Amino acid sequence: MAEDKDEQINIFESGLVPKHEILTEDQKAQFLKQYNISTKQLPRIRADDPVVKHLSGKRGDVMRITRNEPVIGEYYYYRIVA
Protein backbone atom coordinates (compact mmCIF):
# COMPACT_ATOMS: atom_id res chain seq x y z
CA MET A 1 0.00 0.00 0.00
CA ALA A 2 1.51 3.33 -1.06
CA GLU A 3 1.81 6.15 1.43
CA ASP A 4 -0.19 9.32 0.85
CA LYS A 5 2.25 11.97 -0.45
CA ASP A 6 0.18 14.73 1.18
CA GLU A 7 0.64 13.22 4.63
CA GLN A 8 2.69 15.53 6.84
CA ILE A 9 5.33 14.20 9.20
CA ASN A 10 5.48 15.83 12.62
CA ILE A 11 9.21 16.25 13.20
CA PHE A 12 8.67 16.93 16.91
CA GLU A 13 7.25 13.45 17.58
CA SER A 14 10.62 11.74 17.11
CA GLY A 15 11.99 13.11 20.37
CA LEU A 16 15.18 14.13 18.55
CA VAL A 17 14.08 17.70 17.85
CA PRO A 18 13.87 19.96 20.93
CA LYS A 19 10.91 22.26 21.53
CA HIS A 20 11.00 25.36 19.31
CA GLU A 21 8.76 28.39 19.64
CA ILE A 22 8.62 31.78 17.97
CA LEU A 23 8.79 34.77 20.31
CA THR A 24 6.12 37.43 20.01
CA GLU A 25 7.29 40.94 19.07
CA ASP A 26 6.97 42.01 22.73
CA GLN A 27 8.95 38.98 23.95
CA LYS A 28 11.57 39.61 21.28
CA ALA A 29 11.98 43.28 22.29
CA GLN A 30 12.19 42.35 25.99
CA PHE A 31 14.76 39.61 25.30
CA LEU A 32 16.99 41.90 23.22
CA LYS A 33 16.75 44.68 25.82
CA GLN A 34 17.42 42.34 28.75
CA TYR A 35 20.68 41.11 27.23
CA ASN A 36 21.55 44.41 25.53
CA ILE A 37 22.06 42.77 22.14
CA SER A 38 20.84 43.22 18.58
CA THR A 39 19.41 40.57 16.29
CA LYS A 40 22.68 40.63 14.32
CA GLN A 41 24.42 39.10 17.33
CA LEU A 42 22.18 36.04 17.44
CA PRO A 43 23.05 32.73 15.77
CA ARG A 44 21.01 32.15 12.63
CA ILE A 45 18.58 29.46 11.57
CA ARG A 46 17.68 29.28 7.90
CA ALA A 47 14.17 30.15 6.78
CA ASP A 48 14.04 26.86 4.86
CA ASP A 49 14.84 24.78 7.97
CA PRO A 50 12.10 22.14 8.46
CA VAL A 51 11.35 23.40 12.00
CA VAL A 52 10.94 26.99 10.80
CA LYS A 53 8.65 25.85 7.98
CA HIS A 54 6.61 23.69 10.38
CA LEU A 55 6.07 26.68 12.71
CA SER A 56 5.43 29.10 9.82
CA GLY A 57 8.40 31.23 10.83
CA LYS A 58 9.58 34.15 8.74
CA ARG A 59 12.78 36.15 8.41
CA GLY A 60 13.42 38.28 11.47
CA ASP A 61 11.58 35.99 13.90
CA VAL A 62 13.45 34.95 17.03
CA MET A 63 13.08 31.32 18.00
CA ARG A 64 13.50 30.00 21.52
CA ILE A 65 14.75 26.43 21.63
CA THR A 66 14.22 24.55 24.89
CA ARG A 67 16.83 21.90 25.52
CA ASN A 68 17.09 19.40 28.36
CA GLU A 69 20.35 18.00 29.64
CA PRO A 70 20.58 15.39 32.42
CA VAL A 71 23.18 17.32 34.41
CA ILE A 72 22.10 20.97 34.02
CA GLY A 73 18.40 20.52 33.32
CA GLU A 74 16.35 22.78 31.07
CA TYR A 75 17.93 25.74 29.28
CA TYR A 76 17.09 28.03 26.38
CA TYR A 77 18.91 28.77 23.16
CA TYR A 78 17.88 31.57 20.82
CA ARG A 79 18.23 31.90 17.05
CA ILE A 80 17.07 34.41 14.47
CA VAL A 81 15.41 33.26 11.27
CA ALA A 82 17.58 34.40 8.37
PDB file of N, CA and C in Angstrom:
ATOM      1  N   MET A   1       0.851  -1.177   0.000  1.00  0.00           N
ATOM      2  CA  MET A   1       0.000   0.000   0.000  1.00  0.00           C
ATOM      3  C   MET A   1       0.896   1.238   0.000  1.00  0.00           C
ATOM      4  N   ALA A   2       0.686   2.126  -0.935  1.00  0.00           N
ATOM      5  CA  ALA A   2       1.510   3.335  -1.061  1.00  0.00           C
ATOM      6  C   ALA A   2       1.096   4.368  -0.033  1.00  0.00           C
ATOM      7  N   GLU A   3       2.100   5.092   0.473  1.00  0.00           N
ATOM      8  CA  GLU A   3       1.806   6.153   1.432  1.00  0.00           C
ATOM      9  C   GLU A   3       1.243   7.369   0.714  1.00  0.00           C
ATOM     10  N   ASP A   4       0.391   8.102   1.391  1.00  0.00           N
ATOM     11  CA  ASP A   4      -0.186   9.318   0.850  1.00  0.00           C
ATOM     12  C   ASP A   4       0.891  10.401   0.839  1.00  0.00           C
ATOM     13  N   LYS A   5       1.199  10.955  -0.326  1.00  0.00           N
ATOM     14  CA  LYS A   5       2.245  11.968  -0.451  1.00  0.00           C
ATOM     15  C   LYS A   5       1.889  13.264   0.269  1.00  0.00           C
ATOM     16  N   ASP A   6       0.617  13.506   0.501  1.00  0.00           N
ATOM     17  CA  ASP A   6       0.182  14.728   1.176  1.00  0.00           C
ATOM     18  C   ASP A   6       0.278  14.617   2.695  1.00  0.00           C
ATOM     19  N   GLU A   7       0.553  13.419   3.183  1.00  0.00           N
ATOM     20  CA  GLU A   7       0.635  13.222   4.629  1.00  0.00           C
ATOM     21  C   GLU A   7       1.851  13.961   5.183  1.00  0.00           C
ATOM     22  N   GLN A   8       1.626  14.750   6.226  1.00  0.00           N
ATOM     23  CA  GLN A   8       2.688  15.527   6.843  1.00  0.00           C
ATOM     24  C   GLN A   8       3.311  14.734   7.986  1.00  0.00           C
ATOM     25  N   ILE A   9       4.617  14.840   8.108  1.00  0.00           N
ATOM     26  CA  ILE A   9       5.333  14.198   9.197  1.00  0.00           C
ATOM     27  C   ILE A   9       5.584  15.235  10.268  1.00  0.00           C
ATOM     28  N   ASN A  10       5.229  14.923  11.498  1.00  0.00           N
ATOM     29  CA  ASN A  10       5.480  15.833  12.616  1.00  0.00           C
ATOM     30  C   ASN A  10       6.880  15.549  13.138  1.00  0.00           C
ATOM     31  N   ILE A  11       7.816  16.465  12.842  1.00  0.00           N
ATOM     32  CA  ILE A  11       9.212  16.246  13.201  1.00  0.00           C
ATOM     33  C   ILE A  11       9.452  16.284  14.707  1.00  0.00           C
ATOM     34  N   PHE A  12       8.507  16.824  15.462  1.00  0.00           N
ATOM     35  CA  PHE A  12       8.673  16.925  16.910  1.00  0.00           C
ATOM     36  C   PHE A  12       8.338  15.613  17.620  1.00  0.00           C
ATOM     37  N   GLU A  13       7.652  14.705  16.950  1.00  0.00           N
ATOM     38  CA  GLU A  13       7.246  13.447  17.582  1.00  0.00           C
ATOM     39  C   GLU A  13       8.401  12.475  17.765  1.00  0.00           C
ATOM     40  N   SER A  14       9.496  12.670  17.045  1.00  0.00           N
ATOM     41  CA  SER A  14      10.620  11.739  17.114  1.00  0.00           C
ATOM     42  C   SER A  14      11.356  11.804  18.450  1.00  0.00           C
ATOM     43  N   GLY A  15      11.254  12.934  19.136  1.00  0.00           N
ATOM     44  CA  GLY A  15      11.990  13.113  20.375  1.00  0.00           C
ATOM     45  C   GLY A  15      13.417  13.589  20.143  1.00  0.00           C
ATOM     46  N   LEU A  16      13.822  13.683  18.890  1.00  0.00           N
ATOM     47  CA  LEU A  16      15.176  14.126  18.546  1.00  0.00           C
ATOM     48  C   LEU A  16      15.262  15.632  18.345  1.00  0.00           C
ATOM     49  N   VAL A  17      14.121  16.258  18.085  1.00  0.00           N
ATOM     50  CA  VAL A  17      14.084  17.700  17.854  1.00  0.00           C
ATOM     51  C   VAL A  17      13.560  18.376  19.120  1.00  0.00           C
ATOM     52  N   PRO A  18      14.349  19.295  19.709  1.00  0.00           N
ATOM     53  CA  PRO A  18      13.872  19.957  20.927  1.00  0.00           C
ATOM     54  C   PRO A  18      12.712  20.904  20.627  1.00  0.00           C
ATOM     55  N   LYS A  19      12.046  21.341  21.675  1.00  0.00           N
ATOM     56  CA  LYS A  19      10.915  22.258  21.534  1.00  0.00           C
ATOM     57  C   LYS A  19      11.403  23.588  20.957  1.00  0.00           C
ATOM     58  N   HIS A  20      10.726  24.060  19.924  1.00  0.00           N
ATOM     59  CA  HIS A  20      11.003  25.356  19.306  1.00  0.00           C
ATOM     60  C   HIS A  20       9.736  26.195  19.407  1.00  0.00           C
ATOM     61  N   GLU A  21       9.905  27.480  19.650  1.00  0.00           N
ATOM     62  CA  GLU A  21       8.765  28.391  19.638  1.00  0.00           C
ATOM     63  C   GLU A  21       9.222  29.753  19.137  1.00  0.00           C
ATOM     64  N   ILE A  22       8.321  30.459  18.495  1.00  0.00           N
ATOM     65  CA  ILE A  22       8.621  31.785  17.972  1.00  0.00           C
ATOM     66  C   ILE A  22       8.195  32.815  19.011  1.00  0.00           C
ATOM     67  N   LEU A  23       9.107  33.718  19.351  1.00  0.00           N
ATOM     68  CA  LEU A  23       8.786  34.767  20.313  1.00  0.00           C
ATOM     69  C   LEU A  23       7.851  35.792  19.679  1.00  0.00           C
ATOM     70  N   THR A  24       6.948  36.333  20.481  1.00  0.00           N
ATOM     71  CA  THR A  24       6.120  37.435  20.009  1.00  0.00           C
ATOM     72  C   THR A  24       7.013  38.675  19.877  1.00  0.00           C
ATOM     73  N   GLU A  25       6.516  39.706  19.228  1.00  0.00           N
ATOM     74  CA  GLU A  25       7.295  40.941  19.073  1.00  0.00           C
ATOM     75  C   GLU A  25       7.640  41.548  20.438  1.00  0.00           C
ATOM     76  N   ASP A  26       6.710  41.493  21.382  1.00  0.00           N
ATOM     77  CA  ASP A  26       6.970  42.006  22.733  1.00  0.00           C
ATOM     78  C   ASP A  26       8.051  41.178  23.439  1.00  0.00           C
ATOM     79  N   GLN A  27       7.946  39.848  23.337  1.00  0.00           N
ATOM     80  CA  GLN A  27       8.946  38.976  23.947  1.00  0.00           C
ATOM     81  C   GLN A  27      10.314  39.198  23.316  1.00  0.00           C
ATOM     82  N   LYS A  28      10.328  39.374  22.002  1.00  0.00           N
ATOM     83  CA  LYS A  28      11.569  39.614  21.276  1.00  0.00           C
ATOM     84  C   LYS A  28      12.233  40.907  21.754  1.00  0.00           C
ATOM     85  N   ALA A  29      11.459  41.982  21.843  1.00  0.00           N
ATOM     86  CA  ALA A  29      11.985  43.275  22.287  1.00  0.00           C
ATOM     87  C   ALA A  29      12.509  43.177  23.720  1.00  0.00           C
ATOM     88  N   GLN A  30      11.774  42.506  24.592  1.00  0.00           N
ATOM     89  CA  GLN A  30      12.185  42.350  25.986  1.00  0.00           C
ATOM     90  C   GLN A  30      13.474  41.530  26.075  1.00  0.00           C
ATOM     91  N   PHE A  31      13.571  40.459  25.304  1.00  0.00           N
ATOM     92  CA  PHE A  31      14.764  39.611  25.297  1.00  0.00           C
ATOM     93  C   PHE A  31      15.994  40.399  24.843  1.00  0.00           C
ATOM     94  N   LEU A  32      15.862  41.136  23.740  1.00  0.00           N
ATOM     95  CA  LEU A  32      16.987  41.903  23.216  1.00  0.00           C
ATOM     96  C   LEU A  32      17.413  43.000  24.199  1.00  0.00           C
ATOM     97  N   LYS A  33      16.440  43.631  24.847  1.00  0.00           N
ATOM     98  CA  LYS A  33      16.746  44.680  25.818  1.00  0.00           C
ATOM     99  C   LYS A  33      17.409  44.090  27.064  1.00  0.00           C
ATOM    100  N   GLN A  34      16.897  42.970  27.542  1.00  0.00           N
ATOM    101  CA  GLN A  34      17.416  42.337  28.751  1.00  0.00           C
ATOM    102  C   GLN A  34      18.897  41.999  28.606  1.00  0.00           C
ATOM    103  N   TYR A  35      19.293  41.512  27.437  1.00  0.00           N
ATOM    104  CA  TYR A  35      20.685  41.106  27.229  1.00  0.00           C
ATOM    105  C   TYR A  35      21.502  42.159  26.488  1.00  0.00           C
ATOM    106  N   ASN A  36      20.881  43.292  26.192  1.00  0.00           N
ATOM    107  CA  ASN A  36      21.550  44.409  25.531  1.00  0.00           C
ATOM    108  C   ASN A  36      22.269  43.952  24.259  1.00  0.00           C
ATOM    109  N   ILE A  37      21.512  43.269  23.394  1.00  0.00           N
ATOM    110  CA  ILE A  37      22.056  42.768  22.138  1.00  0.00           C
ATOM    111  C   ILE A  37      21.147  43.160  20.988  1.00  0.00           C
ATOM    112  N   SER A  38      21.660  43.000  19.774  1.00  0.00           N
ATOM    113  CA  SER A  38      20.840  43.221  18.583  1.00  0.00           C
ATOM    114  C   SER A  38      20.611  41.868  17.911  1.00  0.00           C
ATOM    115  N   THR A  39      19.693  41.827  16.986  1.00  0.00           N
ATOM    116  CA  THR A  39      19.406  40.574  16.290  1.00  0.00           C
ATOM    117  C   THR A  39      20.609  40.103  15.480  1.00  0.00           C
ATOM    118  N   LYS A  40      21.492  41.014  15.092  1.00  0.00           N
ATOM    119  CA  LYS A  40      22.682  40.634  14.322  1.00  0.00           C
ATOM    120  C   LYS A  40      23.656  39.804  15.144  1.00  0.00           C
ATOM    121  N   GLN A  41      23.521  39.842  16.456  1.00  0.00           N
ATOM    122  CA  GLN A  41      24.418  39.101  17.333  1.00  0.00           C
ATOM    123  C   GLN A  41      23.923  37.682  17.630  1.00  0.00           C
ATOM    124  N   LEU A  42      22.739  37.362  17.178  1.00  0.00           N
ATOM    125  CA  LEU A  42      22.176  36.038  17.439  1.00  0.00           C
ATOM    126  C   LEU A  42      22.627  35.039  16.376  1.00  0.00           C
ATOM    127  N   PRO A  43      22.790  33.772  16.766  1.00  0.00           N
ATOM    128  CA  PRO A  43      23.048  32.732  15.770  1.00  0.00           C
ATOM    129  C   PRO A  43      21.843  32.627  14.836  1.00  0.00           C
ATOM    130  N   ARG A  44      22.079  32.195  13.633  1.00  0.00           N
ATOM    131  CA  ARG A  44      21.006  32.146  12.626  1.00  0.00           C
ATOM    132  C   ARG A  44      20.450  30.736  12.464  1.00  0.00           C
ATOM    133  N   ILE A  45      19.207  30.697  12.023  1.00  0.00           N
ATOM    134  CA  ILE A  45      18.580  29.462  11.572  1.00  0.00           C
ATOM    135  C   ILE A  45      17.946  29.811  10.228  1.00  0.00           C
ATOM    136  N   ARG A  46      18.153  28.976   9.259  1.00  0.00           N
ATOM    137  CA  ARG A  46      17.677  29.279   7.897  1.00  0.00           C
ATOM    138  C   ARG A  46      16.152  29.233   7.807  1.00  0.00           C
ATOM    139  N   ALA A  47      15.617  30.096   6.964  1.00  0.00           N
ATOM    140  CA  ALA A  47      14.168  30.154   6.777  1.00  0.00           C
ATOM    141  C   ALA A  47      13.628  28.871   6.157  1.00  0.00           C
ATOM    142  N   ASP A  48      14.491  28.108   5.470  1.00  0.00           N
ATOM    143  CA  ASP A  48      14.043  26.861   4.860  1.00  0.00           C
ATOM    144  C   ASP A  48      14.285  25.634   5.750  1.00  0.00           C
ATOM    145  N   ASP A  49      14.673  25.878   7.010  1.00  0.00           N
ATOM    146  CA  ASP A  49      14.839  24.784   7.966  1.00  0.00           C
ATOM    147  C   ASP A  49      13.472  24.137   8.198  1.00  0.00           C
ATOM    148  N   PRO A  50      13.395  22.812   8.263  1.00  0.00           N
ATOM    149  CA  PRO A  50      12.100  22.140   8.455  1.00  0.00           C
ATOM    150  C   PRO A  50      11.327  22.618   9.685  1.00  0.00           C
ATOM    151  N   VAL A  51      12.023  22.926  10.787  1.00  0.00           N
ATOM    152  CA  VAL A  51      11.349  23.398  11.996  1.00  0.00           C
ATOM    153  C   VAL A  51      10.727  24.773  11.753  1.00  0.00           C
ATOM    154  N   VAL A  52      11.447  25.656  11.089  1.00  0.00           N
ATOM    155  CA  VAL A  52      10.936  26.994  10.796  1.00  0.00           C
ATOM    156  C   VAL A  52       9.710  26.891   9.890  1.00  0.00           C
ATOM    157  N   LYS A  53       9.796  26.047   8.885  1.00  0.00           N
ATOM    158  CA  LYS A  53       8.648  25.853   7.985  1.00  0.00           C
ATOM    159  C   LYS A  53       7.445  25.305   8.745  1.00  0.00           C
ATOM    160  N   HIS A  54       7.699  24.316   9.614  1.00  0.00           N
ATOM    161  CA  HIS A  54       6.605  23.693  10.381  1.00  0.00           C
ATOM    162  C   HIS A  54       5.887  24.716  11.268  1.00  0.00           C
ATOM    163  N   LEU A  55       6.650  25.662  11.822  1.00  0.00           N
ATOM    164  CA  LEU A  55       6.070  26.676  12.712  1.00  0.00           C
ATOM    165  C   LEU A  55       5.650  27.950  11.969  1.00  0.00           C
ATOM    166  N   SER A  56       5.773  27.946  10.653  1.00  0.00           N
ATOM    167  CA  SER A  56       5.432  29.103   9.818  1.00  0.00           C
ATOM    168  C   SER A  56       6.240  30.338  10.206  1.00  0.00           C
ATOM    169  N   GLY A  57       7.515  30.127  10.489  1.00  0.00           N
ATOM    170  CA  GLY A  57       8.401  31.234  10.827  1.00  0.00           C
ATOM    171  C   GLY A  57       8.775  32.037   9.594  1.00  0.00           C
ATOM    172  N   LYS A  58       9.164  33.275   9.844  1.00  0.00           N
ATOM    173  CA  LYS A  58       9.579  34.147   8.743  1.00  0.00           C
ATOM    174  C   LYS A  58      10.856  34.874   9.133  1.00  0.00           C
ATOM    175  N   ARG A  59      11.528  35.431   8.152  1.00  0.00           N
ATOM    176  CA  ARG A  59      12.777  36.150   8.405  1.00  0.00           C
ATOM    177  C   ARG A  59      12.565  37.223   9.470  1.00  0.00           C
ATOM    178  N   GLY A  60      13.510  37.304  10.406  1.00  0.00           N
ATOM    179  CA  GLY A  60      13.422  38.283  11.475  1.00  0.00           C
ATOM    180  C   GLY A  60      12.805  37.752  12.755  1.00  0.00           C
ATOM    181  N   ASP A  61      12.142  36.599  12.682  1.00  0.00           N
ATOM    182  CA  ASP A  61      11.580  35.994  13.899  1.00  0.00           C
ATOM    183  C   ASP A  61      12.707  35.469  14.784  1.00  0.00           C
ATOM    184  N   VAL A  62      12.513  35.544  16.079  1.00  0.00           N
ATOM    185  CA  VAL A  62      13.455  34.954  17.029  1.00  0.00           C
ATOM    186  C   VAL A  62      12.815  33.693  17.589  1.00  0.00           C
ATOM    187  N   MET A  63      13.575  32.598  17.506  1.00  0.00           N
ATOM    188  CA  MET A  63      13.084  31.317  17.996  1.00  0.00           C
ATOM    189  C   MET A  63      13.764  30.972  19.304  1.00  0.00           C
ATOM    190  N   ARG A  64      12.964  30.495  20.254  1.00  0.00           N
ATOM    191  CA  ARG A  64      13.497  30.000  21.524  1.00  0.00           C
ATOM    192  C   ARG A  64      13.460  28.480  21.453  1.00  0.00           C
ATOM    193  N   ILE A  65      14.616  27.881  21.673  1.00  0.00           N
ATOM    194  CA  ILE A  65      14.746  26.433  21.631  1.00  0.00           C
ATOM    195  C   ILE A  65      14.973  25.961  23.066  1.00  0.00           C
ATOM    196  N   THR A  66      14.116  25.074  23.531  1.00  0.00           N
ATOM    197  CA  THR A  66      14.218  24.549  24.892  1.00  0.00           C
ATOM    198  C   THR A  66      14.912  23.206  24.842  1.00  0.00           C
ATOM    199  N   ARG A  67      16.057  23.135  25.488  1.00  0.00           N
ATOM    200  CA  ARG A  67      16.831  21.898  25.516  1.00  0.00           C
ATOM    201  C   ARG A  67      16.890  21.366  26.939  1.00  0.00           C
ATOM    202  N   ASN A  68      16.981  20.064  27.053  1.00  0.00           N
ATOM    203  CA  ASN A  68      17.085  19.404  28.362  1.00  0.00           C
ATOM    204  C   ASN A  68      18.350  18.577  28.399  1.00  0.00           C
ATOM    205  N   GLU A  69      19.120  18.765  29.425  1.00  0.00           N
ATOM    206  CA  GLU A  69      20.346  17.995  29.642  1.00  0.00           C
ATOM    207  C   GLU A  69      20.245  17.337  31.015  1.00  0.00           C
ATOM    208  N   PRO A  70      20.690  16.101  31.142  1.00  0.00           N
ATOM    209  CA  PRO A  70      20.581  15.393  32.421  1.00  0.00           C
ATOM    210  C   PRO A  70      21.276  16.107  33.581  1.00  0.00           C
ATOM    211  N   VAL A  71      22.404  16.721  33.332  1.00  0.00           N
ATOM    212  CA  VAL A  71      23.181  17.320  34.406  1.00  0.00           C
ATOM    213  C   VAL A  71      22.695  18.720  34.761  1.00  0.00           C
ATOM    214  N   ILE A  72      22.454  19.569  33.741  1.00  0.00           N
ATOM    215  CA  ILE A  72      22.104  20.970  34.022  1.00  0.00           C
ATOM    216  C   ILE A  72      20.611  21.254  33.943  1.00  0.00           C
ATOM    217  N   GLY A  73      19.842  20.320  33.412  1.00  0.00           N
ATOM    218  CA  GLY A  73      18.403  20.519  33.321  1.00  0.00           C
ATOM    219  C   GLY A  73      18.000  21.294  32.077  1.00  0.00           C
ATOM    220  N   GLU A  74      16.923  22.052  32.200  1.00  0.00           N
ATOM    221  CA  GLU A  74      16.352  22.778  31.066  1.00  0.00           C
ATOM    222  C   GLU A  74      17.063  24.110  30.864  1.00  0.00           C
ATOM    223  N   TYR A  75      17.359  24.436  29.592  1.00  0.00           N
ATOM    224  CA  TYR A  75      17.930  25.738  29.277  1.00  0.00           C
ATOM    225  C   TYR A  75      17.444  26.173  27.903  1.00  0.00           C
ATOM    226  N   TYR A  76      17.594  27.463  27.616  1.00  0.00           N
ATOM    227  CA  TYR A  76      17.091  28.029  26.378  1.00  0.00           C
ATOM    228  C   TYR A  76      18.234  28.457  25.466  1.00  0.00           C
ATOM    229  N   TYR A  77      17.976  28.353  24.189  1.00  0.00           N
ATOM    230  CA  TYR A  77      18.908  28.772  23.160  1.00  0.00           C
ATOM    231  C   TYR A  77      18.097  29.584  22.166  1.00  0.00           C
ATOM    232  N   TYR A  78      18.629  30.681  21.692  1.00  0.00           N
ATOM    233  CA  TYR A  78      17.880  31.568  20.817  1.00  0.00           C
ATOM    234  C   TYR A  78      18.550  31.670  19.455  1.00  0.00           C
ATOM    235  N   ARG A  79      17.746  31.723  18.410  1.00  0.00           N
ATOM    236  CA  ARG A  79      18.229  31.900  17.045  1.00  0.00           C
ATOM    237  C   ARG A  79      17.305  32.843  16.299  1.00  0.00           C
ATOM    238  N   ILE A  80      17.876  33.536  15.318  1.00  0.00           N
ATOM    239  CA  ILE A  80      17.069  34.412  14.468  1.00  0.00           C
ATOM    240  C   ILE A  80      16.897  33.736  13.108  1.00  0.00           C
ATOM    241  N   VAL A  81      15.689  33.827  12.580  1.00  0.00           N
ATOM    242  CA  VAL A  81      15.410  33.257  11.271  1.00  0.00           C
ATOM    243  C   VAL A  81      16.014  34.187  10.212  1.00  0.00           C
ATOM    244  N   ALA A  82      16.894  33.615   9.403  1.00  0.00           N
ATOM    245  CA  ALA A  82      17.579  34.402   8.370  1.00  0.00           C
ATOM    246  C   ALA A  82      17.347  33.811   6.993  1.00  0.00           C
TER     247      ALA A  82
END
